[in-house]
Amino acid sequence: MAMEQKKGFRFTTYEAPHLSPFEKLFEIFQELITHTSGDFDEAIEWLHQLDEEYELTDDDYTIDDFIEDLKRKGYIREEFEDGDGQPGEQGEEGDEGDGRGGKISMTAKLEQMLRKRALDQIFGKIKRSGSGNHKTGKLGRGDEHSGEFREYRFGDALDRISMTESLKNAQINHGIGNFSLDEGDLVVEDTEFKAQMSTVLMIDISHSMILYGEDRITPAKKVAMALAELITTRYPKDTLDILVFGNDAWPIAIKELPYLKVGPYHTNTVAGLQLAMDMLRRKRNTNKQIFMITDGKPSCLRLPNGDYYKNSVGLDDYIVEKCYHMAAQARKLHIPITTFMIAQDPYLMQFIREFTQANRGKAFYTGLKGLGEMIFEDYENNRKKRIK
């Protein structure tokens, strides 16, 4: 009796897709320049160290060749000081200036490349849709066809009349031989309103974001870059504002994200929330939300006289109550706050729970891994909420 051959898996040696020497180094370089907050010299120093350890280059293609390719492809620029001590950009390709050393910095092309890379790393499995707008489920004057028809009503725009369905009605109602089309034959295709979303992303840049040897700011920065690229490319009608908060809070532009650093700051969560709500008050006719990435420990307030009130020991009752008040105020303005808590201290987690309850928002208690996916999921889920 012949034995039945069992089916199984066949494993073969994986061969990575062919990458040029530049592409191999460029992938590593993008990670390094993100970690160094745009410091080119430091990133290249790290690249040299990795090259010594892992033999990334050879005599045919060196790191100096890589740097020249970065210049040639428009990813970096070298700035020289003119005779007045003012910075000036490098001239045409091949113009090496007058021999003076210059500071090398990223170009807008590389900044965008880093945002796209962050988007691919964090949201790589997302399938892009067409228009990227949000259906509310409400019918009326909108800009997305619902596939449903109704009779024409006075005041309906002429471009919404479905001629195919209207002609079909005319043939049924009046016959083909004596064709006529009147108002009773007209039908329009309903459309759905599309809700726009205005988002403010708050990033904690207090010193605690790099304490205890844990780099929390780089993943937060990557999330912000990915979210910025996602919204500007997939949801162009949505808006994203970004702010950072330490002792105070201030807005930053999308192009500043790769250069973001932690400072010697306490954590003024209240100032961040105040600025976020001020930003959202200026947005009209949109859904609004706040994302806050923090380690969850507010430790600073700005007093009415301009002085700082600081307390880094435990949770200060006065500061905490101000935070709860801001959460409740955002709730009254119908602005949900989603907090991404990247620390595991039980007393801080309890604070976030009570903060979230005051706002009726959401909280995610997470390590750094998976932070981007969770923010994306929440962004998508919030956009699916129907307008009441």
Protein backbone atom coordinates (compact mmCIF):
# COMPACT_ATOMS: atom_id res chain seq x y z
CA MET A 1 0.00 0.00 0.00
CA ALA A 2 1.52 3.21 -1.12
CA MET A 3 1.83 5.84 1.53
CA GLU A 4 -0.01 9.10 0.84
CA GLN A 5 2.39 11.98 0.34
CA LYS A 6 1.77 14.65 2.92
CA LYS A 7 1.60 18.28 1.92
CA GLY A 8 3.77 20.75 3.72
CA PHE A 9 5.64 24.01 3.48
CA ARG A 10 8.76 24.47 1.49
CA PHE A 11 11.29 26.98 2.75
CA THR A 12 13.82 28.65 0.53
CA THR A 13 16.57 31.12 1.19
CA TYR A 14 15.21 34.66 1.17
CA GLU A 15 16.89 37.01 -1.21
CA ALA A 16 16.39 40.69 -0.54
CA PRO A 17 15.56 42.89 -3.50
CA HIS A 18 18.63 44.38 -5.10
CA LEU A 19 19.54 47.75 -3.68
CA SER A 20 22.21 50.04 -4.95
CA PRO A 21 24.99 51.10 -2.54
CA PHE A 22 23.31 54.51 -2.27
CA GLU A 23 19.88 53.02 -1.48
CA LYS A 24 21.31 50.79 1.26
CA LEU A 25 23.04 53.70 2.98
CA PHE A 26 20.12 56.07 2.40
CA GLU A 27 17.75 53.80 4.29
CA ILE A 28 20.05 53.81 7.33
CA PHE A 29 20.80 57.51 6.98
CA GLN A 30 17.10 58.45 7.11
CA GLU A 31 16.74 56.66 10.43
CA LEU A 32 19.86 58.33 11.82
CA ILE A 33 18.92 61.85 10.71
CA THR A 34 15.54 61.40 12.41
CA HIS A 35 17.15 60.32 15.68
CA THR A 36 19.61 63.21 15.58
CA SER A 37 16.82 65.73 14.96
CA GLY A 38 18.29 66.84 11.66
CA ASP A 39 21.91 67.09 12.79
CA PHE A 40 23.70 65.99 9.62
CA ASP A 41 27.20 65.84 11.11
CA GLU A 42 26.09 63.64 13.99
CA ALA A 43 24.14 61.35 11.66
CA ILE A 44 27.18 60.91 9.40
CA GLU A 45 29.38 60.22 12.44
CA TRP A 46 27.01 57.43 13.45
CA LEU A 47 27.03 56.14 9.89
CA HIS A 48 30.84 55.97 9.99
CA GLN A 49 30.67 53.97 13.22
CA LEU A 50 28.16 51.55 11.73
CA ASP A 51 30.33 51.25 8.63
CA GLU A 52 33.34 50.28 10.74
CA GLU A 53 31.33 47.62 12.56
CA TYR A 54 29.26 46.18 9.71
CA GLU A 55 31.34 47.06 6.60
CA LEU A 56 28.54 48.91 4.86
CA THR A 57 30.83 50.37 2.20
CA ASP A 58 33.82 49.34 0.14
CA ASP A 59 36.51 51.01 -1.98
CA ASP A 60 34.11 51.32 -4.91
CA TYR A 61 31.52 53.31 -2.94
CA THR A 62 32.49 55.19 0.21
CA ILE A 63 30.57 57.39 2.62
CA ASP A 64 32.14 60.40 0.92
CA ASP A 65 30.60 59.17 -2.34
CA PHE A 66 27.28 58.81 -0.52
CA ILE A 67 27.45 62.41 0.73
CA GLU A 68 28.14 63.66 -2.79
CA ASP A 69 25.14 61.68 -4.04
CA LEU A 70 22.97 63.24 -1.34
CA LYS A 71 24.00 66.66 -2.62
CA ARG A 72 23.55 65.72 -6.26
CA LYS A 73 20.06 64.29 -5.65
CA GLY A 74 18.99 67.39 -3.77
CA TYR A 75 18.58 65.85 -0.29
CA ILE A 76 21.11 68.09 1.46
CA ARG A 77 22.54 71.52 0.87
CA GLU A 78 25.70 73.16 2.08
CA GLU A 79 25.45 76.69 3.38
CA PHE A 80 28.45 78.99 3.32
CA GLU A 81 28.94 82.31 5.06
CA ASP A 82 29.48 85.27 2.80
CA GLY A 83 31.82 88.17 3.51
CA ASP A 84 29.26 89.79 5.83
CA GLY A 85 28.98 86.66 7.95
CA GLN A 86 25.55 85.87 6.48
CA PRO A 87 24.71 82.31 5.44
CA GLY A 88 24.34 81.65 1.74
CA GLU A 89 23.42 78.48 -0.10
CA GLN A 90 25.85 76.50 -2.21
CA GLY A 91 25.95 77.54 -5.84
CA GLU A 92 25.25 75.42 -8.91
CA GLU A 93 26.18 71.76 -9.00
CA GLY A 94 29.92 71.43 -8.91
CA ASP A 95 30.44 74.87 -7.37
CA GLU A 96 32.42 74.18 -4.26
CA GLY A 97 32.52 77.79 -3.12
CA ASP A 98 35.77 79.41 -2.09
CA GLY A 99 37.11 76.61 0.05
CA ARG A 100 35.48 77.67 3.28
CA GLY A 101 33.67 74.95 5.20
CA GLY A 102 29.89 75.14 5.26
CA LYS A 103 27.10 73.78 7.39
CA ILE A 104 25.18 70.95 5.75
CA SER A 105 21.44 70.81 6.32
CA MET A 106 18.43 68.94 4.99
CA THR A 107 16.42 70.24 2.06
CA ALA A 108 12.63 70.32 1.82
CA LYS A 109 12.92 67.27 -0.44
CA LEU A 110 14.51 65.21 2.32
CA GLU A 111 12.06 66.52 4.92
CA GLN A 112 9.18 65.27 2.80
CA MET A 113 11.01 61.98 2.20
CA LEU A 114 11.22 61.47 5.98
CA ARG A 115 7.46 62.08 6.33
CA LYS A 116 6.72 59.58 3.56
CA ARG A 117 9.06 57.06 5.17
CA ALA A 118 7.36 57.49 8.54
CA LEU A 119 3.99 57.03 6.87
CA ASP A 120 5.18 53.83 5.23
CA GLN A 121 6.73 52.50 8.45
CA ILE A 122 3.69 53.19 10.61
CA PHE A 123 0.76 53.01 8.22
CA GLY A 124 2.31 50.85 5.52
CA LYS A 125 -0.65 48.52 5.22
CA ILE A 126 -3.17 51.27 4.57
CA LYS A 127 -4.89 51.19 1.21
CA ARG A 128 -5.43 54.64 -0.18
CA SER A 129 -8.95 55.53 -1.21
CA GLY A 130 -9.99 57.96 -3.89
CA SER A 131 -11.14 61.24 -2.48
CA GLY A 132 -10.37 60.50 1.15
CA ASN A 133 -13.42 62.23 2.53
CA HIS A 134 -15.74 61.05 5.25
CA LYS A 135 -19.34 60.00 4.71
CA THR A 136 -21.75 61.11 7.40
CA GLY A 137 -24.73 59.00 6.35
CA LYS A 138 -26.84 62.13 5.91
CA LEU A 139 -28.35 62.79 2.50
CA GLY A 140 -28.60 66.24 1.01
CA ARG A 141 -26.47 68.67 -0.91
CA GLY A 142 -23.06 67.19 -0.84
CA ASP A 143 -20.37 66.05 -3.20
CA GLU A 144 -20.44 62.26 -3.06
CA HIS A 145 -23.06 60.28 -4.99
CA SER A 146 -25.17 57.95 -2.85
CA GLY A 147 -26.73 55.89 -5.67
CA GLU A 148 -30.23 56.82 -4.49
CA PHE A 149 -32.73 58.88 -6.51
CA ARG A 150 -35.70 61.05 -5.63
CA GLU A 151 -38.08 63.34 -7.49
CA TYR A 152 -36.89 66.79 -8.49
CA ARG A 153 -37.78 69.60 -6.08
CA PHE A 154 -37.73 73.30 -6.78
CA GLY A 155 -34.34 74.68 -5.85
CA ASP A 156 -32.35 71.54 -6.72
CA ALA A 157 -29.24 72.35 -8.75
CA LEU A 158 -29.56 71.44 -12.42
CA ASP A 159 -26.25 69.59 -12.42
CA ARG A 160 -27.72 67.12 -9.92
CA ILE A 161 -30.46 65.99 -12.31
CA SER A 162 -29.89 62.45 -13.53
CA MET A 163 -30.65 62.70 -17.24
CA THR A 164 -30.57 58.94 -17.76
CA GLU A 165 -33.18 58.26 -15.09
CA SER A 166 -35.25 61.30 -16.12
CA LEU A 167 -35.38 60.22 -19.77
CA LYS A 168 -36.34 56.73 -18.68
CA ASN A 169 -39.24 58.21 -16.69
CA ALA A 170 -40.32 60.31 -19.68
CA GLN A 171 -40.47 57.25 -21.92
CA ILE A 172 -42.49 55.32 -19.34
CA ASN A 173 -44.87 58.22 -18.63
CA HIS A 174 -45.41 59.55 -22.18
CA GLY A 175 -44.33 56.82 -24.55
CA ILE A 176 -41.60 56.78 -27.16
CA GLY A 177 -43.72 57.85 -30.13
CA ASN A 178 -44.77 61.20 -28.70
CA PHE A 179 -41.76 62.00 -26.55
CA SER A 180 -41.93 64.80 -24.01
CA LEU A 181 -40.11 65.64 -20.82
CA ASP A 182 -41.72 67.64 -18.04
CA GLU A 183 -40.90 68.51 -14.45
CA GLY A 184 -42.66 65.45 -13.10
CA ASP A 185 -40.25 63.18 -14.96
CA LEU A 186 -37.14 64.70 -13.46
CA VAL A 187 -35.21 62.90 -10.75
CA VAL A 188 -32.04 63.86 -8.94
CA GLU A 189 -29.36 61.64 -7.46
CA ASP A 190 -28.86 62.34 -3.81
CA THR A 191 -25.41 63.04 -2.50
CA GLU A 192 -23.94 62.66 0.93
CA PHE A 193 -22.39 65.31 3.04
CA LYS A 194 -18.70 64.80 3.76
CA ALA A 195 -17.50 65.73 7.19
CA GLN A 196 -14.16 67.45 7.53
CA MET A 197 -11.92 66.80 10.49
CA SER A 198 -9.74 69.34 12.25
CA THR A 199 -7.08 67.70 14.39
CA VAL A 200 -4.56 69.18 16.80
CA LEU A 201 -1.67 66.90 17.73
CA MET A 202 0.01 67.76 21.05
CA ILE A 203 3.51 66.41 21.64
CA ASP A 204 5.09 66.44 25.10
CA ILE A 205 8.72 67.62 24.79
CA SER A 206 9.47 67.76 28.52
CA HIS A 207 12.70 66.27 29.81
CA SER A 208 10.91 63.17 31.09
CA MET A 209 10.40 62.09 27.46
CA ILE A 210 14.03 60.93 27.41
CA LEU A 211 14.51 59.95 31.05
CA TYR A 212 15.67 56.54 32.20
CA GLY A 213 17.38 55.80 28.89
CA GLU A 214 14.09 55.51 27.00
CA ASP A 215 13.75 57.57 23.85
CA ARG A 216 10.07 58.49 23.70
CA ILE A 217 10.42 61.59 21.54
CA THR A 218 11.67 59.91 18.34
CA PRO A 219 8.65 57.56 18.02
CA ALA A 220 6.34 60.48 18.86
CA LYS A 221 8.07 62.54 16.16
CA LYS A 222 7.67 59.72 13.63
CA VAL A 223 3.97 59.46 14.43
CA ALA A 224 3.55 63.19 13.90
CA MET A 225 5.37 63.04 10.55
CA ALA A 226 3.32 60.07 9.41
CA LEU A 227 0.05 61.64 10.50
CA ALA A 228 0.96 64.86 8.71
CA GLU A 229 1.74 63.00 5.49
CA LEU A 230 -1.42 60.89 5.83
CA ILE A 231 -3.76 63.85 6.25
CA THR A 232 -2.18 66.05 3.58
CA THR A 233 -2.19 63.26 0.99
CA ARG A 234 -5.25 61.17 1.83
CA TYR A 235 -7.52 63.74 3.46
CA PRO A 236 -6.63 67.05 1.82
CA LYS A 237 -9.80 68.72 3.10
CA ASP A 238 -8.90 67.93 6.70
CA THR A 239 -6.58 70.10 8.75
CA LEU A 240 -3.77 69.15 11.10
CA ASP A 241 -2.15 71.57 13.52
CA ILE A 242 0.79 70.48 15.66
CA LEU A 243 1.94 71.95 18.93
CA VAL A 244 4.58 71.05 21.45
CA PHE A 245 4.39 71.66 25.16
CA GLY A 246 7.02 71.94 27.88
CA ASN A 247 7.00 74.85 30.33
CA ASP A 248 4.81 76.59 27.73
CA ALA A 249 3.11 75.53 24.53
CA TRP A 250 3.69 76.75 20.99
CA PRO A 251 2.70 75.67 17.48
CA ILE A 252 5.19 74.19 15.04
CA ALA A 253 5.03 73.76 11.28
CA ILE A 254 5.01 70.34 9.66
CA LYS A 255 8.43 71.02 8.16
CA GLU A 256 9.88 71.46 11.68
CA LEU A 257 8.99 67.93 12.81
CA PRO A 258 12.27 66.20 11.87
CA TYR A 259 14.18 68.73 13.99
CA LEU A 260 12.05 68.31 17.13
CA LYS A 261 14.02 67.87 20.36
CA VAL A 262 13.25 67.39 24.02
CA GLY A 263 14.16 70.38 26.18
CA PRO A 264 14.96 70.98 29.86
CA TYR A 265 11.27 71.53 30.46
CA HIS A 266 8.58 70.61 32.93
CA THR A 267 5.19 69.55 31.55
CA ASN A 268 2.58 72.29 31.20
CA THR A 269 -0.33 70.18 29.97
CA VAL A 270 -2.81 72.98 30.67
CA ALA A 271 -0.98 75.39 28.36
CA GLY A 272 -0.99 72.77 25.62
CA LEU A 273 -4.72 72.18 25.96
CA GLN A 274 -5.47 75.91 26.03
CA LEU A 275 -3.53 76.45 22.81
CA ALA A 276 -5.11 73.41 21.16
CA MET A 277 -8.63 74.65 21.92
CA ASP A 278 -7.76 78.15 20.71
CA MET A 279 -6.60 76.62 17.42
CA LEU A 280 -9.78 74.59 17.06
CA ARG A 281 -12.09 77.50 17.88
CA ARG A 282 -10.91 79.10 14.64
CA LYS A 283 -11.97 76.07 12.60
CA ARG A 284 -15.52 76.36 11.34
CA ASN A 285 -17.95 73.67 10.19
CA THR A 286 -15.68 70.74 10.97
CA ASN A 287 -15.46 67.90 13.42
CA LYS A 288 -12.72 68.61 15.93
CA GLN A 289 -10.40 66.46 18.01
CA ILE A 290 -7.20 66.61 20.03
CA PHE A 291 -4.52 63.92 20.13
CA MET A 292 -2.07 64.18 23.01
CA ILE A 293 1.13 62.13 23.21
CA THR A 294 2.59 62.34 26.70
CA ASP A 295 4.12 60.39 29.53
CA GLY A 296 1.17 61.64 31.55
CA LYS A 297 2.73 63.70 34.32
CA PRO A 298 1.71 67.38 34.38
CA SER A 299 4.18 69.29 36.52
CA CYS A 300 3.91 72.95 35.60
CA LEU A 301 1.46 75.86 35.31
CA ARG A 302 1.75 79.46 34.27
CA LEU A 303 0.25 81.66 37.02
CA PRO A 304 -1.80 84.82 36.27
CA ASN A 305 1.18 87.01 37.26
CA GLY A 306 3.36 85.27 34.65
CA ASP A 307 5.38 83.16 37.08
CA TYR A 308 5.67 79.40 36.78
CA TYR A 309 4.23 77.07 39.39
CA LYS A 310 6.24 73.82 39.24
CA ASN A 311 6.14 70.59 41.18
CA SER A 312 7.83 67.45 39.86
CA VAL A 313 7.16 65.34 42.96
CA GLY A 314 4.24 63.03 42.38
CA LEU A 315 1.02 64.59 41.11
CA ASP A 316 0.29 68.09 42.39
CA ASP A 317 -3.41 68.49 43.29
CA TYR A 318 -3.53 72.10 42.10
CA ILE A 319 -2.07 71.25 38.69
CA VAL A 320 -4.18 68.13 38.33
CA GLU A 321 -7.43 69.99 39.03
CA LYS A 322 -6.54 72.55 36.36
CA CYS A 323 -6.07 69.68 33.91
CA TYR A 324 -9.47 68.21 34.78
CA HIS A 325 -11.04 71.64 34.30
CA MET A 326 -9.50 71.92 30.82
CA ALA A 327 -10.76 68.45 29.91
CA ALA A 328 -14.29 69.40 30.97
CA GLN A 329 -14.07 72.67 29.05
CA ALA A 330 -13.08 70.80 25.87
CA ARG A 331 -16.05 68.49 26.40
CA LYS A 332 -18.41 71.50 26.47
CA LEU A 333 -16.92 72.59 23.15
CA HIS A 334 -17.54 69.07 21.77
CA ILE A 335 -13.82 68.46 21.35
CA PRO A 336 -12.83 64.92 22.32
CA ILE A 337 -9.31 64.39 23.62
CA THR A 338 -7.53 61.14 22.86
CA THR A 339 -4.52 60.63 25.10
CA PHE A 340 -1.71 58.28 24.14
CA MET A 341 -0.03 57.52 27.42
CA ILE A 342 3.49 56.15 26.88
CA ALA A 343 4.36 55.35 30.49
CA GLN A 344 3.16 52.56 32.75
CA ASP A 345 3.22 54.16 36.21
CA PRO A 346 -0.05 53.19 37.97
CA TYR A 347 -0.62 56.60 39.58
CA LEU A 348 -0.13 58.38 36.25
CA MET A 349 -2.46 55.94 34.53
CA GLN A 350 -5.08 56.72 37.16
CA PHE A 351 -4.71 60.43 36.45
CA ILE A 352 -5.24 59.83 32.74
CA ARG A 353 -8.34 57.75 33.47
CA GLU A 354 -9.89 60.57 35.48
CA PHE A 355 -8.80 63.15 32.90
CA THR A 356 -10.43 61.06 30.16
CA GLN A 357 -13.61 60.67 32.19
CA ALA A 358 -13.86 64.45 32.59
CA ASN A 359 -13.63 64.87 28.83
CA ARG A 360 -15.47 61.68 27.86
CA GLY A 361 -12.66 61.10 25.42
CA LYS A 362 -10.37 58.13 25.00
CA ALA A 363 -7.09 56.95 26.44
CA PHE A 364 -4.61 54.40 25.20
CA TYR A 365 -2.01 53.03 27.59
CA THR A 366 0.82 51.90 25.41
CA GLY A 367 4.50 51.40 25.10
CA LEU A 368 6.25 52.98 22.16
CA LYS A 369 5.75 50.01 19.87
CA GLY A 370 2.46 50.25 18.04
CA LEU A 371 1.87 53.88 18.96
CA GLY A 372 1.49 54.91 15.33
CA GLU A 373 -0.98 52.19 14.46
CA MET A 374 -3.18 53.10 17.42
CA ILE A 375 -3.23 56.78 16.53
CA PHE A 376 -4.15 55.92 12.98
CA GLU A 377 -6.95 53.61 14.06
CA ASP A 378 -8.35 56.28 16.32
CA TYR A 379 -8.10 58.91 13.59
CA GLU A 380 -10.01 56.68 11.19
CA ASN A 381 -12.61 55.74 13.81
CA ASN A 382 -13.21 59.35 14.78
CA ARG A 383 -13.72 60.28 11.15
CA LYS A 384 -16.41 57.60 10.83
CA LYS A 385 -18.57 59.16 13.51
CA ARG A 386 -21.73 60.55 12.07
CA ILE A 387 -22.71 64.13 12.55
CA LYS A 388 -25.63 64.36 14.93
